[in-house]
C-alpha atoms as a PDB file:
ATOM      1  CA  MET A   1     -20.194  16.254   8.617  1.00  0.00           C
ATOM      2  CA  THR A   2     -17.300  17.564   6.552  1.00  0.00           C
ATOM      3  CA  ALA A   3     -13.841  16.991   8.021  1.00  0.00           C
ATOM      4  CA  PRO A   4     -12.041  20.199   8.993  1.00  0.00           C
ATOM      5  CA  LYS A   5      -8.640  18.454   8.913  1.00  0.00           C
ATOM      6  CA  ASP A   6      -6.870  15.190   8.067  1.00  0.00           C
ATOM      7  CA  VAL A   7      -7.075  12.405  10.663  1.00  0.00           C
ATOM      8  CA  SER A   8      -4.826   9.344  10.978  1.00  0.00           C
ATOM      9  CA  VAL A   9      -4.931   6.380  13.326  1.00  0.00           C
ATOM     10  CA  PRO A  10      -1.535   5.817  14.972  1.00  0.00           C
ATOM     11  CA  VAL A  11       0.484   2.618  15.252  1.00  0.00           C
ATOM     12  CA  GLY A  12       0.081   0.721  18.516  1.00  0.00           C
ATOM     13  CA  PRO A  13      -2.359  -1.122  20.740  1.00  0.00           C
ATOM     14  CA  THR A  14      -6.009  -0.155  20.488  1.00  0.00           C
ATOM     15  CA  GLY A  15      -7.393  -1.837  23.590  1.00  0.00           C
ATOM     16  CA  LEU A  16     -10.116  -3.399  21.411  1.00  0.00           C
ATOM     17  CA  ASP A  17     -10.839  -7.129  21.416  1.00  0.00           C
ATOM     18  CA  PRO A  18     -10.312  -9.241  18.260  1.00  0.00           C
ATOM     19  CA  LYS A  19     -14.062  -9.416  17.567  1.00  0.00           C
ATOM     20  CA  GLN A  20     -13.925  -5.808  16.348  1.00  0.00           C
ATOM     21  CA  THR A  21     -11.504  -6.313  13.453  1.00  0.00           C
ATOM     22  CA  GLY A  22     -14.318  -5.584  10.980  1.00  0.00           C
ATOM     23  CA  PHE A  23     -13.966  -1.834  11.480  1.00  0.00           C
ATOM     24  CA  PHE A  24     -10.295  -1.994  10.604  1.00  0.00           C
ATOM     25  CA  GLN A  25     -10.830  -4.259   7.599  1.00  0.00           C
ATOM     26  CA  THR A  26     -13.533  -1.947   6.214  1.00  0.00           C
ATOM     27  CA  LEU A  27     -11.114   0.995   6.354  1.00  0.00           C
ATOM     28  CA  GLN A  28      -8.154  -1.116   5.118  1.00  0.00           C
ATOM     29  CA  ILE A  29      -6.094  -0.596   8.271  1.00  0.00           C
ATOM     30  CA  GLN A  30      -3.368  -3.193   8.837  1.00  0.00           C
ATOM     31  CA  THR A  31      -3.692  -4.913  12.208  1.00  0.00           C
ATOM     32  CA  LYS A  32      -2.506  -7.913  14.187  1.00  0.00           C
ATOM     33  CA  ILE A  33      -3.698  -9.562  17.369  1.00  0.00           C
ATOM     34  CA  VAL A  34      -1.297  -9.224  20.314  1.00  0.00           C
ATOM     35  CA  LYS A  35      -2.129 -10.454  23.821  1.00  0.00           C
ATOM     36  CA  GLY A  36      -5.839 -10.626  23.083  1.00  0.00           C
ATOM     37  CA  GLN A  37      -6.214  -7.136  21.614  1.00  0.00           C
ATOM     38  CA  ILE A  38      -5.961  -5.491  18.201  1.00  0.00           C
ATOM     39  CA  ASP A  39      -2.730  -3.658  17.420  1.00  0.00           C
ATOM     40  CA  ILE A  40      -2.411  -1.307  14.457  1.00  0.00           C
ATOM     41  CA  ILE A  41       0.823  -2.095  12.621  1.00  0.00           C
ATOM     42  CA  ALA A  42       0.903   0.816  10.152  1.00  0.00           C
ATOM     43  CA  GLU A  43      -0.378   4.372  10.550  1.00  0.00           C
ATOM     44  CA  LYS A  44      -3.294   5.020   8.235  1.00  0.00           C
ATOM     45  CA  GLN A  45      -5.030   8.242   7.276  1.00  0.00           C
ATOM     46  CA  VAL A  46      -8.738   7.549   7.549  1.00  0.00           C
ATOM     47  CA  ILE A  47     -10.203  11.020   7.065  1.00  0.00           C
ATOM     48  CA  PHE A  48      -9.163  13.640   4.547  1.00  0.00           C
ATOM     49  CA  LYS A  49      -9.749  17.362   4.998  1.00  0.00           C
ATOM     50  CA  ASP A  50     -12.903  18.745   3.343  1.00  0.00           C
ATOM     51  CA  THR A  51     -14.382  15.286   2.680  1.00  0.00           C
ATOM     52  CA  ARG A  52     -17.500  13.774   4.189  1.00  0.00           C
ATOM     53  CA  VAL A  53     -16.981  11.701   7.356  1.00  0.00           C
ATOM     54  CA  ASP A  54     -19.029   8.499   7.147  1.00  0.00           C
ATOM     55  CA  SER A  55     -20.500   6.540  10.045  1.00  0.00           C
ATOM     56  CA  THR A  56     -17.853   3.773   9.925  1.00  0.00           C
ATOM     57  CA  GLN A  57     -15.018   6.286  10.223  1.00  0.00           C
ATOM     58  CA  ALA A  58     -16.780   8.124  13.042  1.00  0.00           C
ATOM     59  CA  ALA A  59     -17.524   4.873  14.909  1.00  0.00           C
ATOM     60  CA  LEU A  60     -13.898   3.703  14.658  1.00  0.00           C
ATOM     61  CA  LEU A  61     -12.522   7.015  15.900  1.00  0.00           C
ATOM     62  CA  ASP A  62     -14.996   6.914  18.785  1.00  0.00           C
ATOM     63  CA  LYS A  63     -13.914   3.370  19.724  1.00  0.00           C
ATOM     64  CA  LEU A  64     -10.260   4.477  19.641  1.00  0.00           C
ATOM     65  CA  LYS A  65     -11.118   7.603  21.663  1.00  0.00           C
ATOM     66  CA  ILE A  66      -9.733   9.866  18.939  1.00  0.00           C
ATOM     67  CA  TYR A  67     -11.630  13.143  18.920  1.00  0.00           C
ATOM     68  CA  PRO A  68      -9.848  15.292  16.335  1.00  0.00           C
ATOM     69  CA  PHE A  69     -12.524  17.891  15.739  1.00  0.00           C
ATOM     70  CA  GLU A  70     -12.684  21.158  17.599  1.00  0.00           C
ATOM     71  CA  TYR A  71     -15.581  23.431  18.279  1.00  0.00           C
ATOM     72  CA  LYS A  72     -14.901  27.008  19.183  1.00  0.00           C
ATOM     73  CA  MET A  73     -16.503  30.386  19.185  1.00  0.00           C
ATOM     74  CA  LYS A  74     -15.152  33.049  16.871  1.00  0.00           C
ATOM     75  CA  VAL A  75     -15.586  36.515  18.322  1.00  0.00           C
ATOM     76  CA  THR A  76     -16.321  39.108  15.632  1.00  0.00           C
ATOM     77  CA  LYS A  77     -17.644  42.056  17.673  1.00  0.00           C
ATOM     78  CA  ILE A  78     -17.350  43.243  21.276  1.00  0.00           C
ATOM     79  CA  LEU A  79     -20.008  45.135  23.214  1.00  0.00           C
ATOM     80  CA  GLN A  80     -18.728  47.342  26.039  1.00  0.00           C
ATOM     81  CA  ASN A  81     -20.581  50.219  27.654  1.00  0.00           C
ATOM     82  CA  GLU A  82     -23.127  50.322  24.813  1.00  0.00           C
ATOM     83  CA  ASN A  83     -20.323  50.604  22.224  1.00  0.00           C
ATOM     84  CA  ILE A  84     -19.582  47.958  19.604  1.00  0.00           C
ATOM     85  CA  PHE A  85     -15.954  47.295  18.658  1.00  0.00           C
ATOM     86  CA  ASP A  86     -14.353  45.037  16.071  1.00  0.00           C
ATOM     87  CA  ALA A  87     -12.709  41.932  17.575  1.00  0.00           C
ATOM     88  CA  ALA A  88      -9.335  43.127  16.254  1.00  0.00           C
ATOM     89  CA  VAL A  89      -9.037  45.322  19.368  1.00  0.00           C
ATOM     90  CA  LEU A  90      -8.245  42.092  21.244  1.00  0.00           C
ATOM     91  CA  ASP A  91      -5.230  41.318  19.024  1.00  0.00           C
ATOM     92  CA  LEU A  92      -2.586  42.670  21.378  1.00  0.00           C
ATOM     93  CA  SER A  93       0.876  41.215  21.835  1.00  0.00           C
ATOM     94  CA  PRO A  94       2.206  40.636  25.365  1.00  0.00           C
ATOM     95  CA  GLU A  95       4.665  43.525  24.839  1.00  0.00           C
ATOM     96  CA  VAL A  96       1.826  45.962  24.076  1.00  0.00           C
ATOM     97  CA  ILE A  97      -0.143  44.825  27.132  1.00  0.00           C
ATOM     98  CA  ILE A  98       2.900  45.209  29.408  1.00  0.00           C
ATOM     99  CA  GLY A  99       3.617  48.653  27.958  1.00  0.00           C
ATOM    100  CA  LYS A 100       0.049  49.809  28.576  1.00  0.00           C
ATOM    101  CA  PHE A 101       0.169  48.418  32.122  1.00  0.00           C
ATOM    102  CA  LYS A 102       3.460  50.215  32.850  1.00  0.00           C
ATOM    103  CA  ARG A 103       2.063  53.509  31.534  1.00  0.00           C
ATOM    104  CA  ALA A 104      -1.073  53.088  33.658  1.00  0.00           C
ATOM    105  CA  ILE A 105       0.903  52.626  36.877  1.00  0.00           C
ATOM    106  CA  GLY A 106       3.379  55.378  35.992  1.00  0.00           C
ATOM    107  CA  PHE A 107       6.383  53.089  35.657  1.00  0.00           C
END
């Protein structure tokens, strides 16, 4: 998968036990052990936009419960009453919507 945006791991406790320091060492993330868990001591960017995400990076983000990628549907056309419209008809500001509503109720 190609990364759609940059991703960093933040400073702080990870909740992971010390046996899992290998992930952090592989990605050159500075850590220390505090109260039996791994703490990240310096924020580190692990994924760069438009680069390939490897399995080690993906596994670490999963362990840290960081899910930076979004999946969404992009509407390009609208079908209503057997007519097809461009999606731009949905680009209305709140002021336009309120104005149309006021006109419809005769305000």
